[in-house]
Amino acid sequence: MADDRDFYSRDRPEHPRLAEDRPRGGGPEEPRSRGKGNKVIWAVVLGIVAVVVIVTILLG
């Protein structure tokens, strides 16, 4: 009976690693990560809600 290593190595090239086909990101051309935008938006929304609540309390 054939060993698994013999079966799979028969048709494989000597160096079966594939070349890098896409950039991984995070380099100098990407100045901002994706997660920061959501934090800024939520901080602005929270600030607006706080101002509305304070104005409502003062005028109410």
C-alpha atoms as a PDB file:
ATOM      1  CA  MET A   1       0.000   0.000   0.000  1.00  0.00           C
ATOM      2  CA  ALA A   2       1.289   3.485  -0.875  1.00  0.00           C
ATOM      3  CA  ASP A   3       2.287   5.894   1.861  1.00  0.00           C
ATOM      4  CA  ASP A   4       0.489   9.274   1.999  1.00  0.00           C
ATOM      5  CA  ARG A   5       3.771  11.122   1.472  1.00  0.00           C
ATOM      6  CA  ASP A   6       4.413   9.204  -1.741  1.00  0.00           C
ATOM      7  CA  PHE A   7       0.903   9.843  -3.042  1.00  0.00           C
ATOM      8  CA  TYR A   8       0.919  13.605  -2.487  1.00  0.00           C
ATOM      9  CA  SER A   9       4.533  14.283  -3.441  1.00  0.00           C
ATOM     10  CA  ARG A  10       4.341  12.634  -6.834  1.00  0.00           C
ATOM     11  CA  ASP A  11       2.751  15.551  -8.761  1.00  0.00           C
ATOM     12  CA  ARG A  12       4.017  18.461  -6.669  1.00  0.00           C
ATOM     13  CA  PRO A  13       6.796  20.798  -7.803  1.00  0.00           C
ATOM     14  CA  GLU A  14      10.033  20.983  -5.822  1.00  0.00           C
ATOM     15  CA  HIS A  15       9.088  24.302  -4.195  1.00  0.00           C
ATOM     16  CA  PRO A  16       5.284  24.307  -3.826  1.00  0.00           C
ATOM     17  CA  ARG A  17       5.051  27.740  -2.128  1.00  0.00           C
ATOM     18  CA  LEU A  18       2.969  30.273  -4.013  1.00  0.00           C
ATOM     19  CA  ALA A  19       4.139  33.805  -4.565  1.00  0.00           C
ATOM     20  CA  GLU A  20       2.442  36.587  -2.616  1.00  0.00           C
ATOM     21  CA  ASP A  21      -0.587  37.506  -4.713  1.00  0.00           C
ATOM     22  CA  ARG A  22      -1.957  40.457  -2.741  1.00  0.00           C
ATOM     23  CA  PRO A  23      -0.573  43.105  -0.425  1.00  0.00           C
ATOM     24  CA  ARG A  24      -1.147  42.650   3.279  1.00  0.00           C
ATOM     25  CA  GLY A  25      -1.606  46.370   3.999  1.00  0.00           C
ATOM     26  CA  GLY A  26      -0.476  48.396   6.950  1.00  0.00           C
ATOM     27  CA  GLY A  27       2.282  50.140   5.063  1.00  0.00           C
ATOM     28  CA  PRO A  28       2.962  53.859   4.725  1.00  0.00           C
ATOM     29  CA  GLU A  29       0.392  54.171   1.932  1.00  0.00           C
ATOM     30  CA  GLU A  30      -2.366  53.335   4.445  1.00  0.00           C
ATOM     31  CA  PRO A  31      -2.242  56.224   6.936  1.00  0.00           C
ATOM     32  CA  ARG A  32      -5.338  55.288   8.947  1.00  0.00           C
ATOM     33  CA  SER A  33      -6.673  51.947  10.095  1.00  0.00           C
ATOM     34  CA  ARG A  34     -10.286  51.036   9.462  1.00  0.00           C
ATOM     35  CA  GLY A  35     -11.383  50.914  13.101  1.00  0.00           C
ATOM     36  CA  LYS A  36     -10.706  54.558  13.976  1.00  0.00           C
ATOM     37  CA  GLY A  37     -13.497  55.978  11.814  1.00  0.00           C
ATOM     38  CA  ASN A  38     -16.229  54.283  13.815  1.00  0.00           C
ATOM     39  CA  LYS A  39     -14.807  55.527  17.110  1.00  0.00           C
ATOM     40  CA  VAL A  40     -14.757  59.119  15.870  1.00  0.00           C
ATOM     41  CA  ILE A  41     -18.337  58.883  14.608  1.00  0.00           C
ATOM     42  CA  TRP A  42     -19.570  57.454  17.915  1.00  0.00           C
ATOM     43  CA  ALA A  43     -17.682  60.122  19.887  1.00  0.00           C
ATOM     44  CA  VAL A  44     -19.362  62.874  17.825  1.00  0.00           C
ATOM     45  CA  VAL A  45     -22.806  61.275  18.262  1.00  0.00           C
ATOM     46  CA  LEU A  46     -22.235  60.946  22.011  1.00  0.00           C
ATOM     47  CA  GLY A  47     -21.150  64.595  22.199  1.00  0.00           C
ATOM     48  CA  ILE A  48     -24.256  65.782  20.355  1.00  0.00           C
ATOM     49  CA  VAL A  49     -26.521  63.692  22.599  1.00  0.00           C
ATOM     50  CA  ALA A  50     -24.798  65.105  25.691  1.00  0.00           C
ATOM     51  CA  VAL A  51     -25.296  68.686  24.466  1.00  0.00           C
ATOM     52  CA  VAL A  52     -28.979  68.021  23.709  1.00  0.00           C
ATOM     53  CA  VAL A  53     -29.514  66.482  27.161  1.00  0.00           C
ATOM     54  CA  ILE A  54     -27.792  69.400  28.917  1.00  0.00           C
ATOM     55  CA  VAL A  55     -29.776  71.997  26.943  1.00  0.00           C
ATOM     56  CA  THR A  56     -33.025  70.120  27.653  1.00  0.00           C
ATOM     57  CA  ILE A  57     -32.257  70.036  31.396  1.00  0.00           C
ATOM     58  CA  LEU A  58     -31.342  73.742  31.519  1.00  0.00           C
ATOM     59  CA  LEU A  59     -34.390  74.884  29.524  1.00  0.00           C
ATOM     60  CA  GLY A  60     -36.815  72.408  31.092  1.00  0.00           C
END
